[in-house]
Structures are given as C-alpha cells and as structure tokens.
Amino acid sequence: MAINVDTVYKTVLSILNKEQRGYMTPDEFNKVATQVQLEIFEAYFDDLNQQLRVPQANTEYADRQKNIDNMISIFKTSGSCVSPTLGLDYFTVPTNLHKIGSVIYKGEIEVERVQSDYLLYLNLSPITKPTKTFPIYTYGNPVPGASGANTLNPRIYVWPKDIRSDISVSYIRKPNNVVWGYTGIGGGVWTSGPYIYSSLLSTQFEIDASEQTNVITKILLYAGVIIRDPEIVQVAAQKSQQEEINSKN
C-alpha cells in the first residue's frame, strides 16, 4: 500500500502551522517530497547489502532482508531497449531505468555482461568470441571509438555486432515524482491559493506505507531549512536519526 500524498502534505502543514512557524507551498512540497522519496529508496540498497552480511530472524515478518527486498520489488520491471538507428551501434535503455538487472536476447538468451577492457581478449580467440548463441554486452559510458562516444548517457553495446534488435532488459525503475495536485476554487487551475486537493492531478508516494513517519520527518527537516527555522531542523534531524538507528538495530 502506498503513502497518500494528501495525508502527508496536510500533516506537514499541520505541524508547521501549530505554532505559526511558516508555510510550505505545494510546489515546494512536491520538490522536497520527491527528493525525500528518492533518498529513502536509495537507502534500501545499502540496507539490503548490510543485511546480507548478518544472520536473519527465522520468522515470517522479522526477516529484514526479505522485508527490504519486498520494498524494492514494486520497482522491479522489464522493458525493450530501443534498437540502434542507422550509423549507431548501441541500444538505448528505458528512460526510467535506475539499476540494470539482466539483458535478454530474443526473450530467452541471457546476454553476459563484461568489462570493456576485456573485449579485446574475448575477440582474440574463436573459442571465446561472442556469438548469437553466447552474446555479451558492456554497459555504461560509451566505449572508446564507439558511436555516441560524445555523450555521458549509459548505453548497452552488444556483441556480435550483427545483433541489431530483440534486446530487452530487466531492471529496477526510478520512483515517479511525487505530486500533490490541486485546483483553485471552482475547479480552475490556481497559482496562489487557496489550493484544493485533486487526486486526479496527484501522484502518490510509491515507497512502502511503513515509511510514512520517516517521510514526514524528512520533509519537515527540509521545511525547516526553507522557512529558516533551526528548531524544526534540529528536532526533525534528531527524529530522522533515531528512525534510522531503529531500522538497523
């Protein structure tokens, strides 16, 4: 179950307004909420890596490794790569790709990933040279001398080079940007308030509902910076630090 963006925004405003400390506009909230969601999402991978090193509880709901993987699972997906156009030799990955998983040729052959500096050695011998039955790929910045080498966007380069289509990838996608959507009184678009919440124009948080307290705390931390209230920054930072400690103990 996702976290409701309207609940979070109203909670943040309620805390900020309790002592007339300030206000956070929808635009400010949307930018901060998107950043907070991304920070929490990125922390999942470090937390999972940490939990892989320690024994796990042998109970259904207390296995932290399993619980973190469940939080990541909603972002696991797959999609087709855009085939090279005339004069180019790389496949373009889906735009929302965050971490790459497996690269698949024709839906059934896994393409082996290699480092670009290993390509020369593989191509020297007929035994190790890639074929359509045993293809290989490199991923990342363009290899030296390859087409598109003037760009920093990651690419997938597949060998043998006569593979020009039918490449797909399993991957972890980026979370969608959080949006607290609104209209003005009477339903018209409004820019200065009062703001009327619109679920149709909103994009909910995608991280797990168990993160709601963490989300609110981190947004308040940023809100304290925005409204220049050091007390809110201090309290929110302490709360956020305690949440992090509790999640890892």
Protein backbone atom coordinates (compact mmCIF):
# COMPACT_ATOMS: atom_id res chain seq x y z
CA MET A 1 0.00 0.00 0.00
CA ALA A 2 1.37 3.40 -1.00
CA ILE A 3 1.58 6.52 1.16
CA ASN A 4 -1.16 9.07 0.48
CA VAL A 5 0.36 12.36 -0.65
CA ASP A 6 -2.56 14.42 0.68
CA THR A 7 -2.22 12.91 4.16
CA VAL A 8 1.50 13.67 4.25
CA TYR A 9 1.15 17.26 3.00
CA LYS A 10 -1.65 18.08 5.43
CA THR A 11 0.31 16.55 8.31
CA VAL A 12 3.36 18.61 7.43
CA LEU A 13 1.28 21.80 7.20
CA SER A 14 -0.43 20.99 10.50
CA ILE A 15 2.91 20.64 12.29
CA LEU A 16 4.35 23.78 10.71
CA ASN A 17 1.24 25.85 11.46
CA LYS A 18 0.76 24.60 15.00
CA GLU A 19 2.93 27.39 16.35
CA GLN A 20 2.65 29.69 13.32
CA ARG A 21 6.12 28.69 12.18
CA GLY A 22 5.54 29.11 8.45
CA TYR A 23 4.04 27.60 5.32
CA MET A 24 5.17 25.21 2.62
CA THR A 25 3.69 25.77 -0.84
CA PRO A 26 2.56 22.82 -2.98
CA ASP A 27 5.44 23.42 -5.37
CA GLU A 28 7.97 23.37 -2.53
CA PHE A 29 6.33 20.29 -1.06
CA ASN A 30 6.39 18.41 -4.39
CA LYS A 31 10.08 19.05 -4.91
CA VAL A 32 11.01 18.12 -1.35
CA ALA A 33 8.73 15.06 -1.27
CA THR A 34 10.25 13.75 -4.50
CA GLN A 35 13.75 14.20 -3.07
CA VAL A 36 12.82 12.52 0.23
CA GLN A 37 11.27 9.54 -1.55
CA LEU A 38 14.41 9.14 -3.66
CA GLU A 39 16.67 9.30 -0.59
CA ILE A 40 14.67 6.60 1.20
CA PHE A 41 14.56 4.49 -1.96
CA GLU A 42 18.34 4.73 -2.44
CA ALA A 43 18.90 3.73 1.19
CA TYR A 44 17.10 0.40 0.55
CA PHE A 45 20.07 -0.89 -1.46
CA ASP A 46 22.63 -0.03 1.22
CA ASP A 47 20.36 -1.51 3.89
CA LEU A 48 19.89 -4.71 1.87
CA ASN A 49 23.63 -5.03 1.34
CA GLN A 50 24.15 -4.61 5.08
CA GLN A 51 21.50 -7.22 5.95
CA LEU A 52 23.06 -9.75 3.57
CA ARG A 53 26.05 -9.85 5.90
CA VAL A 54 24.17 -10.74 9.09
CA PRO A 55 22.04 -13.73 10.11
CA GLN A 56 18.30 -13.19 9.69
CA ALA A 57 15.47 -13.95 12.08
CA ASN A 58 13.79 -17.23 11.26
CA THR A 59 10.28 -15.76 11.47
CA GLU A 60 7.93 -14.68 8.71
CA TYR A 61 7.69 -10.95 9.45
CA ALA A 62 11.03 -10.22 11.17
CA ASP A 63 13.35 -11.16 8.28
CA ARG A 64 14.77 -7.73 7.41
CA GLN A 65 16.47 -8.96 4.27
CA LYS A 66 13.15 -10.21 2.97
CA ASN A 67 11.30 -7.09 4.09
CA ILE A 68 13.71 -4.73 2.33
CA ASP A 69 13.58 -6.83 -0.83
CA ASN A 70 9.77 -6.60 -0.69
CA MET A 71 10.05 -2.80 -0.55
CA ILE A 72 12.25 -2.82 -3.64
CA SER A 73 10.12 -5.35 -5.53
CA ILE A 74 7.45 -2.83 -6.54
CA PHE A 75 10.10 -1.11 -8.66
CA LYS A 76 11.27 -4.28 -10.44
CA THR A 77 10.17 -4.36 -14.06
CA SER A 78 11.32 -5.10 -17.60
CA GLY A 79 11.19 -3.46 -20.99
CA SER A 80 12.54 -3.43 -24.51
CA CYS A 81 15.62 -1.46 -25.46
CA VAL A 82 15.49 0.86 -28.44
CA SER A 83 17.43 -0.72 -31.32
CA PRO A 84 20.37 1.09 -32.89
CA THR A 85 19.48 3.51 -35.66
CA LEU A 86 21.46 3.83 -38.86
CA GLY A 87 25.08 4.67 -38.16
CA LEU A 88 24.90 3.84 -34.42
CA ASP A 89 25.91 0.66 -32.61
CA TYR A 90 24.26 0.87 -29.19
CA PHE A 91 20.89 0.04 -27.67
CA THR A 92 19.08 2.69 -25.65
CA VAL A 93 17.77 1.61 -22.24
CA PRO A 94 14.30 2.58 -20.89
CA THR A 95 14.28 6.17 -19.64
CA ASN A 96 13.16 5.22 -16.11
CA LEU A 97 15.93 2.66 -15.59
CA HIS A 98 17.68 3.06 -12.24
CA LYS A 99 19.63 -0.18 -11.78
CA ILE A 100 20.14 -2.71 -14.52
CA GLY A 101 19.43 -6.41 -13.96
CA SER A 102 19.62 -8.94 -16.80
CA VAL A 103 19.93 -8.24 -20.52
CA ILE A 104 17.99 -10.72 -22.67
CA TYR A 105 18.24 -11.50 -26.39
CA LYS A 106 15.07 -12.68 -28.15
CA GLY A 107 13.37 -13.20 -24.80
CA GLU A 108 15.31 -16.35 -23.93
CA ILE A 109 19.08 -15.91 -24.19
CA GLU A 110 20.79 -14.05 -21.36
CA VAL A 111 23.49 -11.70 -22.58
CA GLU A 112 26.61 -11.87 -20.43
CA ARG A 113 27.97 -8.60 -19.10
CA VAL A 114 31.71 -7.96 -19.46
CA GLN A 115 34.04 -5.04 -18.84
CA SER A 116 35.04 -3.06 -21.91
CA ASP A 117 38.75 -3.73 -21.34
CA TYR A 118 38.06 -7.49 -21.54
CA LEU A 119 36.55 -7.31 -25.02
CA LEU A 120 39.92 -7.47 -26.79
CA TYR A 121 40.81 -10.77 -25.12
CA LEU A 122 37.44 -12.33 -25.89
CA ASN A 123 37.66 -11.40 -29.56
CA LEU A 124 41.20 -12.79 -29.98
CA SER A 125 40.11 -16.42 -29.86
CA PRO A 126 37.40 -18.19 -31.93
CA ILE A 127 36.54 -20.14 -28.76
CA THR A 128 35.71 -17.09 -26.64
CA LYS A 129 34.49 -14.77 -29.39
CA PRO A 130 30.83 -13.84 -28.79
CA THR A 131 28.13 -15.38 -30.96
CA LYS A 132 24.35 -15.06 -31.20
CA THR A 133 24.12 -18.16 -29.02
CA PHE A 134 26.51 -16.71 -26.42
CA PRO A 135 26.29 -12.90 -26.79
CA ILE A 136 27.97 -10.37 -24.50
CA TYR A 137 27.43 -6.71 -23.66
CA THR A 138 29.01 -3.72 -21.97
CA TYR A 139 27.03 -1.12 -20.09
CA GLY A 140 27.84 2.40 -19.07
CA ASN A 141 29.58 5.27 -20.79
CA PRO A 142 30.37 4.66 -24.47
CA VAL A 143 33.46 2.57 -25.14
CA PRO A 144 36.35 4.42 -26.80
CA GLY A 145 35.83 4.84 -30.52
CA ALA A 146 32.17 3.74 -30.39
CA SER A 147 29.40 5.76 -31.94
CA GLY A 148 27.80 8.12 -29.47
CA ALA A 149 31.06 8.43 -27.52
CA ASN A 150 30.45 12.15 -27.08
CA THR A 151 27.58 11.58 -24.67
CA LEU A 152 27.55 10.60 -20.99
CA ASN A 153 24.26 8.69 -21.19
CA PRO A 154 24.70 4.96 -20.40
CA ARG A 155 24.34 2.62 -23.36
CA ILE A 156 24.16 -1.12 -23.97
CA TYR A 157 26.70 -2.36 -26.54
CA VAL A 158 26.03 -5.91 -27.71
CA TRP A 159 28.42 -8.33 -29.42
CA PRO A 160 28.35 -9.82 -32.03
CA LYS A 161 27.54 -6.62 -33.85
CA ASP A 162 25.02 -8.21 -36.19
CA ILE A 163 22.58 -8.28 -33.27
CA ARG A 164 20.56 -5.16 -34.06
CA SER A 165 17.20 -5.88 -32.40
CA ASP A 166 15.32 -8.04 -29.88
CA ILE A 167 17.21 -6.83 -26.80
CA SER A 168 15.24 -6.40 -23.58
CA VAL A 169 16.27 -5.74 -20.02
CA SER A 170 15.04 -6.47 -16.51
CA TYR A 171 15.71 -3.56 -14.19
CA ILE A 172 14.74 -1.51 -11.18
CA ARG A 173 12.98 1.66 -12.24
CA LYS A 174 13.14 5.10 -10.68
CA PRO A 175 10.24 6.12 -8.40
CA ASN A 176 7.81 8.52 -10.03
CA ASN A 177 8.00 12.14 -8.91
CA VAL A 178 5.60 12.90 -6.05
CA VAL A 179 2.88 15.42 -6.91
CA TRP A 180 0.27 16.99 -4.63
CA GLY A 181 -2.08 18.08 -7.38
CA TYR A 182 -4.55 20.91 -6.90
CA THR A 183 -7.08 23.24 -8.46
CA GLY A 184 -8.47 26.56 -7.34
CA ILE A 185 -11.97 27.32 -6.07
CA GLY A 186 -14.47 26.28 -8.74
CA GLY A 187 -12.06 23.78 -10.26
CA GLY A 188 -9.88 26.17 -12.25
CA VAL A 189 -6.12 25.98 -12.17
CA TRP A 190 -4.79 28.26 -9.43
CA THR A 191 -1.32 29.56 -8.72
CA SER A 192 -1.53 31.47 -5.45
CA GLY A 193 -4.10 29.61 -3.33
CA PRO A 194 -6.27 28.64 -1.68
CA TYR A 195 -5.39 25.23 -3.07
CA ILE A 196 -7.98 22.48 -3.48
CA TYR A 197 -6.53 18.96 -3.48
CA SER A 198 -7.17 16.93 -6.66
CA SER A 199 -6.48 13.20 -6.58
CA LEU A 200 -6.72 13.12 -10.39
CA LEU A 201 -3.83 15.56 -10.70
CA SER A 202 -1.74 13.92 -7.97
CA THR A 203 0.96 11.25 -7.96
CA GLN A 204 1.16 9.26 -4.75
CA PHE A 205 4.30 8.16 -2.95
CA GLU A 206 5.38 4.74 -4.18
CA ILE A 207 7.52 3.63 -1.27
CA ASP A 208 6.05 1.34 1.38
CA ALA A 209 3.38 2.67 3.76
CA SER A 210 5.59 1.77 6.72
CA GLU A 211 7.81 4.71 5.69
CA GLN A 212 5.14 7.36 6.32
CA THR A 213 6.62 8.63 9.60
CA ASN A 214 10.07 8.68 8.07
CA VAL A 215 8.77 10.61 5.05
CA ILE A 216 7.06 13.26 7.19
CA THR A 217 10.10 13.67 9.41
CA LYS A 218 12.47 14.13 6.48
CA ILE A 219 10.12 16.60 4.75
CA LEU A 220 9.95 18.62 7.97
CA LEU A 221 13.74 18.66 8.03
CA TYR A 222 13.78 20.29 4.60
CA ALA A 223 10.85 22.52 5.54
CA GLY A 224 12.84 23.89 8.47
CA VAL A 225 15.57 24.90 6.04
CA ILE A 226 13.06 26.50 3.66
CA ILE A 227 11.38 28.61 6.35
CA ARG A 228 14.70 29.12 8.17
CA ASP A 229 13.58 27.64 11.47
CA PRO A 230 16.58 26.00 13.19
CA GLU A 231 14.41 24.42 15.89
CA ILE A 232 12.41 22.43 13.35
CA VAL A 233 15.63 21.39 11.61
CA GLN A 234 17.13 20.19 14.90
CA VAL A 235 14.06 18.26 16.07
CA ALA A 236 13.45 16.69 12.66
CA ALA A 237 17.12 15.73 12.29
CA GLN A 238 17.10 14.02 15.70
CA LYS A 239 13.89 12.18 14.87
CA SER A 240 15.21 11.11 11.47
CA GLN A 241 18.45 9.85 13.01
CA GLN A 242 16.53 7.85 15.61
CA GLU A 243 14.33 6.31 12.90
CA GLU A 244 17.44 5.23 11.02
CA ILE A 245 19.02 3.72 14.12
CA ASN A 246 15.83 1.81 14.99
CA SER A 247 15.54 0.42 11.46
CA LYS A 248 19.03 -1.10 11.62
CA ASN A 249 19.08 -2.45 15.16
